[in-house]
Amino acid sequence: MTGQTTTTREPAAQAMHELSNLLAVTLARAEELLDEGADAESRREAVESIRRSVLRARDALGRLQRVVATVAPSVAAPSRQRLLLIDDDPLLLDTLRGLLGPAGYEVETADSGEEGIERYRSHRFDCVITDARMSGVSGLIVCRAIKDHDPTAHVVLLTGVEHDPEELQAAGVDRVLMKPTRRANILEAVRRDTL
């Protein structure tokens, strides 16, 4: 493994260096296009330069992918947890996706309780975060429907109000996050091994 990694490191580094340079050139030429004082010929040259850089970058990326493919079979990639976020507020969905995606989770969203239930029934998710108050089907109904379908499901309820503990237990809620909540609390809640 060490010998193979050493032999692939140099071509990978070369491809990455070339990609970095090509991106810098492309950015510089794109800025030339935005220059209001540039004449038509300068703009045409900038567009042609960008086209050539993109083609070269595609070739460099292809080389890098081939290098990675030779190493990838010998390196077990960790599986990413799949999360389902359910809320009728698009801003909250985008915020949560922006938080959880970069943290290494594969995130899907549903903008209603009904859609969330259907999506869970047709796909496998490691965790569901649902808002409590939504128009139509509430978060507690979503929790119960998901637990009825899959008793092992890990369901987190996001709410701004206190709920009766017996009501939460009856719905099958595993975790409750009170709004507003901190990033660390959300990341902890989606990890099943912290329960």
N, C-alpha and C. Protein backbone atom coordinates (compact mmCIF):
# COMPACT_ATOMS: atom_id res chain seq x y z
N MET A 1 0.83 -1.20 0.00
CA MET A 1 0.00 0.00 0.00
C MET A 1 0.87 1.25 0.00
N THR A 2 1.94 1.27 0.81
CA THR A 2 2.79 2.45 0.89
C THR A 2 3.47 2.72 -0.44
N GLY A 3 3.98 1.66 -1.10
CA GLY A 3 4.62 1.83 -2.40
C GLY A 3 3.66 2.38 -3.43
N GLN A 4 2.42 1.86 -3.43
CA GLN A 4 1.42 2.32 -4.39
C GLN A 4 1.07 3.79 -4.12
N THR A 5 0.95 4.15 -2.84
CA THR A 5 0.63 5.53 -2.50
C THR A 5 1.73 6.47 -2.94
N THR A 6 3.00 6.04 -2.76
CA THR A 6 4.14 6.87 -3.16
C THR A 6 4.15 7.07 -4.67
N THR A 7 3.87 6.00 -5.43
CA THR A 7 3.91 6.11 -6.89
C THR A 7 2.76 6.93 -7.43
N THR A 8 1.64 7.01 -6.72
CA THR A 8 0.50 7.79 -7.20
C THR A 8 0.52 9.22 -6.70
N ARG A 9 1.31 9.50 -5.69
CA ARG A 9 1.31 10.84 -5.10
C ARG A 9 1.81 11.89 -6.09
N GLU A 10 2.90 11.58 -6.83
CA GLU A 10 3.48 12.56 -7.74
C GLU A 10 2.52 12.94 -8.87
N PRO A 11 1.93 11.98 -9.61
CA PRO A 11 0.97 12.38 -10.65
C PRO A 11 -0.24 13.12 -10.09
N ALA A 12 -0.68 12.73 -8.91
CA ALA A 12 -1.82 13.42 -8.30
C ALA A 12 -1.45 14.85 -7.96
N ALA A 13 -0.25 15.04 -7.40
CA ALA A 13 0.19 16.39 -7.05
C ALA A 13 0.35 17.25 -8.30
N GLN A 14 0.86 16.66 -9.38
CA GLN A 14 1.02 17.41 -10.63
C GLN A 14 -0.35 17.84 -11.17
N ALA A 15 -1.29 16.92 -11.15
CA ALA A 15 -2.63 17.25 -11.66
C ALA A 15 -3.28 18.33 -10.80
N MET A 16 -3.14 18.23 -9.48
CA MET A 16 -3.71 19.24 -8.59
C MET A 16 -3.06 20.61 -8.83
N HIS A 17 -1.73 20.62 -9.01
CA HIS A 17 -1.02 21.87 -9.27
C HIS A 17 -1.50 22.49 -10.58
N GLU A 18 -1.64 21.65 -11.60
CA GLU A 18 -2.12 22.15 -12.90
C GLU A 18 -3.54 22.69 -12.79
N LEU A 19 -4.40 21.98 -12.06
CA LEU A 19 -5.77 22.47 -11.88
C LEU A 19 -5.78 23.82 -11.17
N SER A 20 -4.96 23.95 -10.15
CA SER A 20 -4.89 25.21 -9.40
C SER A 20 -4.46 26.36 -10.32
N ASN A 21 -3.44 26.12 -11.14
CA ASN A 21 -2.97 27.15 -12.07
C ASN A 21 -4.04 27.50 -13.10
N LEU A 22 -4.70 26.48 -13.63
CA LEU A 22 -5.73 26.72 -14.63
C LEU A 22 -6.89 27.52 -14.05
N LEU A 23 -7.25 27.23 -12.82
CA LEU A 23 -8.33 28.00 -12.19
C LEU A 23 -7.91 29.46 -12.00
N ALA A 24 -6.66 29.69 -11.64
CA ALA A 24 -6.17 31.06 -11.47
C ALA A 24 -6.21 31.82 -12.80
N VAL A 25 -5.77 31.16 -13.88
CA VAL A 25 -5.80 31.79 -15.20
C VAL A 25 -7.25 32.07 -15.62
N THR A 26 -8.12 31.10 -15.40
CA THR A 26 -9.52 31.27 -15.78
C THR A 26 -10.15 32.43 -15.04
N LEU A 27 -9.86 32.53 -13.75
CA LEU A 27 -10.40 33.63 -12.96
C LEU A 27 -9.89 34.98 -13.48
N ALA A 28 -8.60 35.06 -13.78
CA ALA A 28 -8.03 36.31 -14.29
C ALA A 28 -8.67 36.70 -15.62
N ARG A 29 -8.84 35.72 -16.50
CA ARG A 29 -9.45 36.02 -17.81
C ARG A 29 -10.92 36.40 -17.66
N ALA A 30 -11.62 35.77 -16.70
CA ALA A 30 -13.01 36.13 -16.46
C ALA A 30 -13.12 37.58 -15.97
N GLU A 31 -12.18 38.00 -15.15
CA GLU A 31 -12.17 39.39 -14.68
C GLU A 31 -11.95 40.35 -15.84
N GLU A 32 -11.16 39.93 -16.83
CA GLU A 32 -10.96 40.77 -18.02
C GLU A 32 -12.28 40.96 -18.75
N LEU A 33 -13.09 39.90 -18.79
CA LEU A 33 -14.39 40.01 -19.45
C LEU A 33 -15.29 41.03 -18.77
N LEU A 34 -15.13 41.14 -17.46
CA LEU A 34 -15.97 42.08 -16.70
C LEU A 34 -15.49 43.53 -16.80
N ASP A 35 -14.28 43.73 -17.32
CA ASP A 35 -13.74 45.07 -17.47
C ASP A 35 -14.54 45.82 -18.52
N GLU A 36 -15.20 46.89 -18.08
CA GLU A 36 -16.07 47.65 -18.99
C GLU A 36 -15.29 48.33 -20.10
N GLY A 37 -13.99 48.56 -19.88
CA GLY A 37 -13.18 49.24 -20.89
C GLY A 37 -12.60 48.31 -21.95
N ALA A 38 -12.81 46.99 -21.79
CA ALA A 38 -12.23 46.03 -22.73
C ALA A 38 -12.96 46.10 -24.08
N ASP A 39 -12.16 46.02 -25.16
CA ASP A 39 -12.76 46.03 -26.49
C ASP A 39 -13.21 44.62 -26.87
N ALA A 40 -13.89 44.53 -28.01
CA ALA A 40 -14.45 43.25 -28.45
C ALA A 40 -13.37 42.21 -28.67
N GLU A 41 -12.22 42.61 -29.24
CA GLU A 41 -11.14 41.66 -29.50
C GLU A 41 -10.57 41.11 -28.19
N SER A 42 -10.39 41.97 -27.20
CA SER A 42 -9.88 41.52 -25.90
C SER A 42 -10.85 40.55 -25.25
N ARG A 43 -12.12 40.84 -25.37
CA ARG A 43 -13.14 39.95 -24.79
C ARG A 43 -13.13 38.59 -25.51
N ARG A 44 -13.00 38.63 -26.84
CA ARG A 44 -12.98 37.37 -27.60
C ARG A 44 -11.77 36.54 -27.18
N GLU A 45 -10.61 37.18 -27.03
CA GLU A 45 -9.40 36.46 -26.61
C GLU A 45 -9.58 35.89 -25.20
N ALA A 46 -10.22 36.65 -24.33
CA ALA A 46 -10.45 36.16 -22.96
C ALA A 46 -11.36 34.94 -22.96
N VAL A 47 -12.41 34.98 -23.78
CA VAL A 47 -13.32 33.83 -23.87
C VAL A 47 -12.60 32.61 -24.41
N GLU A 48 -11.78 32.80 -25.43
CA GLU A 48 -11.03 31.69 -26.00
C GLU A 48 -10.03 31.12 -24.99
N SER A 49 -9.38 31.98 -24.23
CA SER A 49 -8.45 31.53 -23.20
C SER A 49 -9.17 30.73 -22.12
N ILE A 50 -10.35 31.20 -21.73
CA ILE A 50 -11.14 30.48 -20.73
C ILE A 50 -11.54 29.10 -21.27
N ARG A 51 -11.95 29.05 -22.54
CA ARG A 51 -12.33 27.77 -23.15
C ARG A 51 -11.16 26.79 -23.12
N ARG A 52 -9.96 27.25 -23.51
CA ARG A 52 -8.78 26.38 -23.49
C ARG A 52 -8.45 25.92 -22.07
N SER A 53 -8.55 26.84 -21.12
CA SER A 53 -8.26 26.48 -19.72
C SER A 53 -9.23 25.44 -19.20
N VAL A 54 -10.50 25.58 -19.55
CA VAL A 54 -11.50 24.61 -19.10
C VAL A 54 -11.22 23.24 -19.70
N LEU A 55 -10.85 23.20 -20.98
CA LEU A 55 -10.53 21.91 -21.62
C LEU A 55 -9.30 21.27 -20.97
N ARG A 56 -8.29 22.06 -20.69
CA ARG A 56 -7.09 21.53 -20.02
C ARG A 56 -7.42 21.08 -18.60
N ALA A 57 -8.27 21.84 -17.92
CA ALA A 57 -8.66 21.46 -16.56
C ALA A 57 -9.43 20.14 -16.57
N ARG A 58 -10.26 19.95 -17.59
CA ARG A 58 -10.99 18.69 -17.72
C ARG A 58 -10.02 17.53 -17.89
N ASP A 59 -8.98 17.73 -18.71
CA ASP A 59 -7.97 16.68 -18.90
C ASP A 59 -7.23 16.39 -17.60
N ALA A 60 -6.84 17.45 -16.87
CA ALA A 60 -6.12 17.27 -15.60
C ALA A 60 -7.00 16.57 -14.58
N LEU A 61 -8.26 16.91 -14.57
CA LEU A 61 -9.20 16.25 -13.65
C LEU A 61 -9.34 14.78 -14.00
N GLY A 62 -9.38 14.47 -15.28
CA GLY A 62 -9.44 13.07 -15.71
C GLY A 62 -8.22 12.29 -15.25
N ARG A 63 -7.03 12.89 -15.35
CA ARG A 63 -5.82 12.23 -14.86
C ARG A 63 -5.90 12.01 -13.36
N LEU A 64 -6.37 13.01 -12.65
CA LEU A 64 -6.49 12.90 -11.20
C LEU A 64 -7.49 11.80 -10.82
N GLN A 65 -8.60 11.72 -11.54
CA GLN A 65 -9.59 10.67 -11.26
C GLN A 65 -9.01 9.28 -11.49
N ARG A 66 -8.18 9.13 -12.54
CA ARG A 66 -7.57 7.83 -12.80
C ARG A 66 -6.60 7.46 -11.68
N VAL A 67 -5.84 8.44 -11.19
CA VAL A 67 -4.92 8.18 -10.07
C VAL A 67 -5.71 7.75 -8.84
N VAL A 68 -6.76 8.48 -8.54
CA VAL A 68 -7.57 8.16 -7.36
C VAL A 68 -8.20 6.78 -7.52
N ALA A 69 -8.64 6.44 -8.73
CA ALA A 69 -9.27 5.14 -8.95
C ALA A 69 -8.31 3.98 -8.70
N THR A 70 -7.01 4.21 -8.93
CA THR A 70 -6.05 3.13 -8.68
C THR A 70 -5.82 2.92 -7.20
N VAL A 71 -6.05 3.97 -6.39
CA VAL A 71 -5.85 3.86 -4.95
C VAL A 71 -7.15 3.51 -4.24
N ALA A 72 -8.26 3.98 -4.75
CA ALA A 72 -9.55 3.85 -4.07
C ALA A 72 -9.94 2.43 -3.70
N PRO A 73 -9.73 1.43 -4.57
CA PRO A 73 -10.15 0.09 -4.18
C PRO A 73 -9.45 -0.43 -2.92
N SER A 74 -8.24 0.07 -2.66
CA SER A 74 -7.51 -0.42 -1.50
C SER A 74 -7.79 0.40 -0.25
N VAL A 75 -8.56 1.47 -0.38
CA VAL A 75 -8.88 2.30 0.76
C VAL A 75 -10.38 2.25 0.99
N ALA A 76 -10.78 1.74 2.12
CA ALA A 76 -12.21 1.64 2.42
C ALA A 76 -12.75 3.03 2.76
N ALA A 77 -13.64 3.53 1.95
CA ALA A 77 -14.23 4.83 2.20
C ALA A 77 -15.30 4.69 3.29
N PRO A 78 -15.31 5.62 4.24
CA PRO A 78 -16.33 5.55 5.28
C PRO A 78 -17.69 5.83 4.68
N SER A 79 -18.70 5.13 5.16
CA SER A 79 -20.04 5.36 4.63
C SER A 79 -20.59 6.65 5.25
N ARG A 80 -21.29 7.41 4.44
CA ARG A 80 -21.86 8.66 4.91
C ARG A 80 -23.26 8.41 5.42
N GLN A 81 -23.57 9.00 6.55
CA GLN A 81 -24.92 8.87 7.08
C GLN A 81 -25.87 9.69 6.24
N ARG A 82 -27.05 9.11 5.99
CA ARG A 82 -28.07 9.80 5.21
C ARG A 82 -29.10 10.40 6.15
N LEU A 83 -29.34 11.69 5.97
CA LEU A 83 -30.29 12.40 6.82
C LEU A 83 -31.46 12.91 5.99
N LEU A 84 -32.65 12.89 6.61
CA LEU A 84 -33.84 13.47 5.99
C LEU A 84 -34.28 14.64 6.85
N LEU A 85 -34.34 15.82 6.27
CA LEU A 85 -34.80 17.02 6.96
C LEU A 85 -36.20 17.36 6.47
N ILE A 86 -37.12 17.55 7.41
CA ILE A 86 -38.51 17.83 7.05
C ILE A 86 -38.94 19.14 7.70
N ASP A 87 -39.32 20.10 6.88
CA ASP A 87 -39.80 21.39 7.40
C ASP A 87 -40.50 22.12 6.27
N ASP A 88 -41.52 22.90 6.60
CA ASP A 88 -42.20 23.68 5.56
C ASP A 88 -41.59 25.07 5.41
N ASP A 89 -40.49 25.33 6.11
CA ASP A 89 -39.77 26.60 6.01
C ASP A 89 -38.51 26.38 5.17
N PRO A 90 -38.49 26.86 3.92
CA PRO A 90 -37.33 26.62 3.05
C PRO A 90 -36.03 27.20 3.61
N LEU A 91 -36.11 28.32 4.33
CA LEU A 91 -34.91 28.93 4.90
C LEU A 91 -34.29 28.01 5.95
N LEU A 92 -35.12 27.41 6.79
CA LEU A 92 -34.59 26.49 7.81
C LEU A 92 -34.00 25.25 7.15
N LEU A 93 -34.66 24.73 6.12
CA LEU A 93 -34.11 23.56 5.41
C LEU A 93 -32.75 23.89 4.82
N ASP A 94 -32.62 25.06 4.19
CA ASP A 94 -31.33 25.45 3.61
C ASP A 94 -30.27 25.62 4.68
N THR A 95 -30.66 26.19 5.82
CA THR A 95 -29.71 26.39 6.92
C THR A 95 -29.20 25.06 7.44
N LEU A 96 -30.13 24.13 7.68
CA LEU A 96 -29.73 22.81 8.18
C LEU A 96 -28.89 22.05 7.16
N ARG A 97 -29.29 22.12 5.89
CA ARG A 97 -28.51 21.45 4.84
C ARG A 97 -27.10 22.03 4.78
N GLY A 98 -27.00 23.36 4.90
CA GLY A 98 -25.70 24.01 4.88
C GLY A 98 -24.84 23.66 6.07
N LEU A 99 -25.46 23.30 7.17
CA LEU A 99 -24.72 22.89 8.36
C LEU A 99 -24.31 21.42 8.29
N LEU A 100 -25.22 20.56 7.88
CA LEU A 100 -24.99 19.11 7.95
C LEU A 100 -24.24 18.56 6.74
N GLY A 101 -24.46 19.13 5.56
CA GLY A 101 -23.74 18.65 4.37
C GLY A 101 -22.23 18.75 4.52
N PRO A 102 -21.69 19.93 4.86
CA PRO A 102 -20.25 20.06 5.03
C PRO A 102 -19.70 19.25 6.21
N ALA A 103 -20.58 18.84 7.13
CA ALA A 103 -20.14 18.02 8.26
C ALA A 103 -20.01 16.55 7.87
N GLY A 104 -20.28 16.23 6.59
CA GLY A 104 -20.07 14.88 6.10
C GLY A 104 -21.32 14.05 5.93
N TYR A 105 -22.48 14.66 6.09
CA TYR A 105 -23.73 13.91 5.95
C TYR A 105 -24.30 14.07 4.55
N GLU A 106 -24.96 13.03 4.09
CA GLU A 106 -25.71 13.09 2.84
C GLU A 106 -27.12 13.53 3.21
N VAL A 107 -27.54 14.69 2.74
CA VAL A 107 -28.77 15.31 3.21
C VAL A 107 -29.82 15.37 2.10
N GLU A 108 -31.04 14.93 2.44
CA GLU A 108 -32.20 15.13 1.57
C GLU A 108 -33.23 15.91 2.36
N THR A 109 -34.10 16.62 1.65
CA THR A 109 -35.09 17.44 2.33
C THR A 109 -36.50 17.14 1.81
N ALA A 110 -37.46 17.45 2.65
CA ALA A 110 -38.88 17.38 2.28
C ALA A 110 -39.54 18.62 2.86
N ASP A 111 -40.39 19.29 2.06
CA ASP A 111 -40.97 20.54 2.52
C ASP A 111 -42.37 20.41 3.11
N SER A 112 -42.76 19.18 3.44
CA SER A 112 -44.03 18.96 4.14
C SER A 112 -43.95 17.62 4.86
N GLY A 113 -44.81 17.47 5.86
CA GLY A 113 -44.87 16.21 6.59
C GLY A 113 -45.24 15.05 5.68
N GLU A 114 -46.19 15.30 4.79
CA GLU A 114 -46.62 14.25 3.86
C GLU A 114 -45.47 13.76 2.99
N GLU A 115 -44.73 14.72 2.43
CA GLU A 115 -43.60 14.36 1.57
C GLU A 115 -42.52 13.63 2.37
N GLY A 116 -42.30 14.09 3.59
CA GLY A 116 -41.29 13.45 4.44
C GLY A 116 -41.61 11.99 4.72
N ILE A 117 -42.87 11.72 5.03
CA ILE A 117 -43.30 10.34 5.30
C ILE A 117 -43.10 9.48 4.06
N GLU A 118 -43.52 9.99 2.92
CA GLU A 118 -43.38 9.24 1.66
C GLU A 118 -41.91 8.99 1.34
N ARG A 119 -41.10 10.01 1.51
CA ARG A 119 -39.68 9.86 1.20
C ARG A 119 -39.04 8.81 2.11
N TYR A 120 -39.41 8.81 3.40
CA TYR A 120 -38.84 7.82 4.32
C TYR A 120 -39.28 6.41 3.94
N ARG A 121 -40.50 6.28 3.51
CA ARG A 121 -41.00 4.95 3.15
C ARG A 121 -40.33 4.40 1.90
N SER A 122 -39.83 5.27 1.04
CA SER A 122 -39.22 4.80 -0.20
C SER A 122 -37.69 4.81 -0.18
N HIS A 123 -37.07 5.35 0.86
CA HIS A 123 -35.61 5.41 0.95
C HIS A 123 -35.16 5.07 2.36
N ARG A 124 -33.90 4.74 2.49
CA ARG A 124 -33.32 4.43 3.80
C ARG A 124 -32.58 5.65 4.32
N PHE A 125 -32.88 6.07 5.55
CA PHE A 125 -32.20 7.19 6.18
C PHE A 125 -31.70 6.77 7.55
N ASP A 126 -30.56 7.32 7.94
CA ASP A 126 -30.00 7.03 9.26
C ASP A 126 -30.62 7.89 10.34
N CYS A 127 -31.14 9.05 9.95
CA CYS A 127 -31.73 9.96 10.92
C CYS A 127 -32.72 10.88 10.21
N VAL A 128 -33.78 11.26 10.94
CA VAL A 128 -34.76 12.21 10.44
C VAL A 128 -34.83 13.36 11.44
N ILE A 129 -34.76 14.59 10.92
CA ILE A 129 -35.03 15.77 11.74
C ILE A 129 -36.29 16.40 11.17
N THR A 130 -37.31 16.53 12.01
CA THR A 130 -38.55 17.13 11.54
C THR A 130 -38.98 18.26 12.46
N ASP A 131 -39.52 19.30 11.85
CA ASP A 131 -40.06 20.40 12.63
C ASP A 131 -41.37 19.92 13.26
N ALA A 132 -41.69 20.45 14.44
CA ALA A 132 -42.92 20.04 15.13
C ALA A 132 -44.14 20.67 14.49
N ARG A 133 -44.06 21.96 14.21
CA ARG A 133 -45.23 22.68 13.70
C ARG A 133 -45.08 22.95 12.21
N MET A 134 -45.89 22.26 11.44
CA MET A 134 -45.93 22.47 10.00
C MET A 134 -47.38 22.52 9.57
N SER A 135 -47.66 23.20 8.49
CA SER A 135 -49.02 23.17 7.97
C SER A 135 -49.28 21.77 7.44
N GLY A 136 -50.48 21.30 7.58
CA GLY A 136 -50.79 19.93 7.17
C GLY A 136 -50.42 18.96 8.27
N VAL A 137 -49.58 18.00 7.95
CA VAL A 137 -49.19 16.96 8.90
C VAL A 137 -48.12 17.50 9.85
N SER A 138 -48.37 17.40 11.15
CA SER A 138 -47.44 17.93 12.15
C SER A 138 -46.23 17.00 12.31
N GLY A 139 -45.21 17.52 12.97
CA GLY A 139 -44.00 16.74 13.20
C GLY A 139 -44.25 15.51 14.06
N LEU A 140 -45.16 15.60 15.04
CA LEU A 140 -45.46 14.43 15.88
C LEU A 140 -46.11 13.31 15.07
N ILE A 141 -46.97 13.69 14.14
CA ILE A 141 -47.59 12.68 13.27
C ILE A 141 -46.54 12.06 12.35
N VAL A 142 -45.62 12.91 11.85
CA VAL A 142 -44.52 12.41 11.03
C VAL A 142 -43.71 11.38 11.82
N CYS A 143 -43.36 11.73 13.06
CA CYS A 143 -42.57 10.81 13.90
C CYS A 143 -43.28 9.48 14.06
N ARG A 144 -44.57 9.53 14.38
CA ARG A 144 -45.32 8.29 14.60
C ARG A 144 -45.39 7.46 13.33
N ALA A 145 -45.63 8.10 12.19
CA ALA A 145 -45.73 7.37 10.92
C ALA A 145 -44.40 6.71 10.57
N ILE A 146 -43.30 7.42 10.79
CA ILE A 146 -41.98 6.85 10.49
C ILE A 146 -41.68 5.69 11.42
N LYS A 147 -41.98 5.85 12.71
CA LYS A 147 -41.74 4.77 13.68
C LYS A 147 -42.62 3.56 13.40
N ASP A 148 -43.85 3.79 12.94
CA ASP A 148 -44.72 2.67 12.58
C ASP A 148 -44.13 1.90 11.39
N HIS A 149 -43.53 2.63 10.46
CA HIS A 149 -42.92 2.01 9.28
C HIS A 149 -41.61 1.32 9.64
N ASP A 150 -40.82 1.97 10.51
CA ASP A 150 -39.50 1.46 10.87
C ASP A 150 -39.23 1.77 12.34
N PRO A 151 -39.50 0.82 13.24
CA PRO A 151 -39.31 1.06 14.67
C PRO A 151 -37.87 1.40 15.06
N THR A 152 -36.91 1.07 14.20
CA THR A 152 -35.50 1.38 14.52
C THR A 152 -35.09 2.78 14.06
N ALA A 153 -35.99 3.51 13.42
CA ALA A 153 -35.67 4.85 12.92
C ALA A 153 -35.23 5.76 14.05
N HIS A 154 -34.31 6.66 13.74
CA HIS A 154 -33.82 7.65 14.69
C HIS A 154 -34.45 8.99 14.29
N VAL A 155 -35.36 9.49 15.14
CA VAL A 155 -36.14 10.67 14.79
C VAL A 155 -35.90 11.78 15.81
N VAL A 156 -35.54 12.96 15.28
CA VAL A 156 -35.28 14.14 16.11
C VAL A 156 -36.37 15.17 15.81
N LEU A 157 -37.01 15.68 16.86
CA LEU A 157 -38.06 16.69 16.72
C LEU A 157 -37.48 18.06 17.03
N LEU A 158 -37.64 18.99 16.10
CA LEU A 158 -37.17 20.36 16.25
C LEU A 158 -38.39 21.21 16.59
N THR A 159 -38.37 21.86 17.76
CA THR A 159 -39.57 22.58 18.20
C THR A 159 -39.22 23.85 18.95
N GLY A 160 -40.17 24.75 18.97
CA GLY A 160 -40.01 25.99 19.71
C GLY A 160 -40.84 26.04 20.98
N VAL A 161 -41.60 24.97 21.23
CA VAL A 161 -42.47 24.92 22.42
C VAL A 161 -42.24 23.62 23.17
N GLU A 162 -42.57 23.65 24.45
CA GLU A 162 -42.47 22.43 25.27
C GLU A 162 -43.58 21.47 24.88
N HIS A 163 -43.28 20.18 24.93
CA HIS A 163 -44.27 19.14 24.65
C HIS A 163 -44.36 18.21 25.85
N ASP A 164 -45.52 17.63 26.02
CA ASP A 164 -45.74 16.65 27.08
C ASP A 164 -44.83 15.45 26.82
N PRO A 165 -44.02 15.03 27.79
CA PRO A 165 -43.13 13.89 27.59
C PRO A 165 -43.86 12.62 27.15
N GLU A 166 -45.08 12.40 27.67
CA GLU A 166 -45.84 11.21 27.25
C GLU A 166 -46.25 11.30 25.79
N GLU A 167 -46.57 12.53 25.35
CA GLU A 167 -46.92 12.75 23.94
C GLU A 167 -45.72 12.45 23.05
N LEU A 168 -44.54 12.90 23.47
CA LEU A 168 -43.32 12.65 22.71
C LEU A 168 -43.02 11.16 22.65
N GLN A 169 -43.17 10.49 23.77
CA GLN A 169 -42.90 9.04 23.81
C GLN A 169 -43.89 8.29 22.92
N ALA A 170 -45.15 8.68 22.97
CA ALA A 170 -46.17 8.02 22.14
C ALA A 170 -45.88 8.21 20.65
N ALA A 171 -45.30 9.36 20.31
CA ALA A 171 -44.99 9.63 18.90
C ALA A 171 -43.70 8.93 18.46
N GLY A 172 -42.91 8.44 19.43
CA GLY A 172 -41.68 7.75 19.09
C GLY A 172 -40.49 8.67 18.88
N VAL A 173 -40.56 9.88 19.44
CA VAL A 173 -39.47 10.85 19.30
C VAL A 173 -38.26 10.35 20.08
N ASP A 174 -37.09 10.33 19.43
CA ASP A 174 -35.86 9.90 20.10
C ASP A 174 -35.14 11.07 20.77
N ARG A 175 -35.19 12.23 20.15
CA ARG A 175 -34.50 13.42 20.65
C ARG A 175 -35.37 14.64 20.40
N VAL A 176 -35.29 15.62 21.28
CA VAL A 176 -35.97 16.90 21.08
C VAL A 176 -34.91 17.99 21.08
N LEU A 177 -34.96 18.85 20.07
CA LEU A 177 -34.09 20.02 20.01
C LEU A 177 -34.98 21.26 20.10
N MET A 178 -34.71 22.10 21.09
CA MET A 178 -35.48 23.33 21.26
C MET A 178 -34.89 24.43 20.38
N LYS A 179 -35.76 25.15 19.69
CA LYS A 179 -35.35 26.30 18.88
C LYS A 179 -35.18 27.51 19.79
N PRO A 180 -34.24 28.38 19.53
CA PRO A 180 -33.11 28.16 18.63
C PRO A 180 -32.10 27.22 19.28
N THR A 181 -31.40 26.48 18.47
CA THR A 181 -30.43 25.53 19.00
C THR A 181 -29.06 25.79 18.39
N ARG A 182 -28.07 25.31 19.07
CA ARG A 182 -26.70 25.52 18.58
C ARG A 182 -26.28 24.42 17.61
N ARG A 183 -25.30 24.74 16.80
CA ARG A 183 -24.76 23.80 15.81
C ARG A 183 -24.33 22.50 16.49
N ALA A 184 -23.62 22.60 17.60
CA ALA A 184 -23.12 21.41 18.30
C ALA A 184 -24.26 20.50 18.74
N ASN A 185 -25.38 21.09 19.15
CA ASN A 185 -26.52 20.29 19.58
C ASN A 185 -27.13 19.51 18.42
N ILE A 186 -27.19 20.16 17.25
CA ILE A 186 -27.74 19.48 16.07
C ILE A 186 -26.83 18.33 15.66
N LEU A 187 -25.53 18.58 15.62
CA LEU A 187 -24.60 17.53 15.22
C LEU A 187 -24.62 16.36 16.21
N GLU A 188 -24.77 16.66 17.49
CA GLU A 188 -24.84 15.60 18.48
C GLU A 188 -26.14 14.80 18.33
N ALA A 189 -27.24 15.49 18.04
CA ALA A 189 -28.54 14.83 17.96
C ALA A 189 -28.64 13.84 16.81
N VAL A 190 -27.93 14.09 15.71
CA VAL A 190 -28.05 13.19 14.56
C VAL A 190 -27.17 11.95 14.71
N ARG A 191 -26.24 11.98 15.67
CA ARG A 191 -25.36 10.82 15.87
C ARG A 191 -26.06 9.79 16.74
N ARG A 192 -26.32 8.64 16.19
CA ARG A 192 -27.04 7.60 16.92
C ARG A 192 -26.23 7.07 18.10
N ASP A 193 -24.91 7.11 17.99
CA ASP A 193 -24.09 6.53 19.06
C ASP A 193 -24.05 7.40 20.32
N THR A 194 -24.69 8.59 20.29
CA THR A 194 -24.72 9.42 21.48
C THR A 194 -25.98 9.18 22.28
N LEU A 195 -26.87 8.36 21.79
CA LEU A 195 -28.14 8.13 22.48
C LEU A 195 -27.96 7.18 23.64
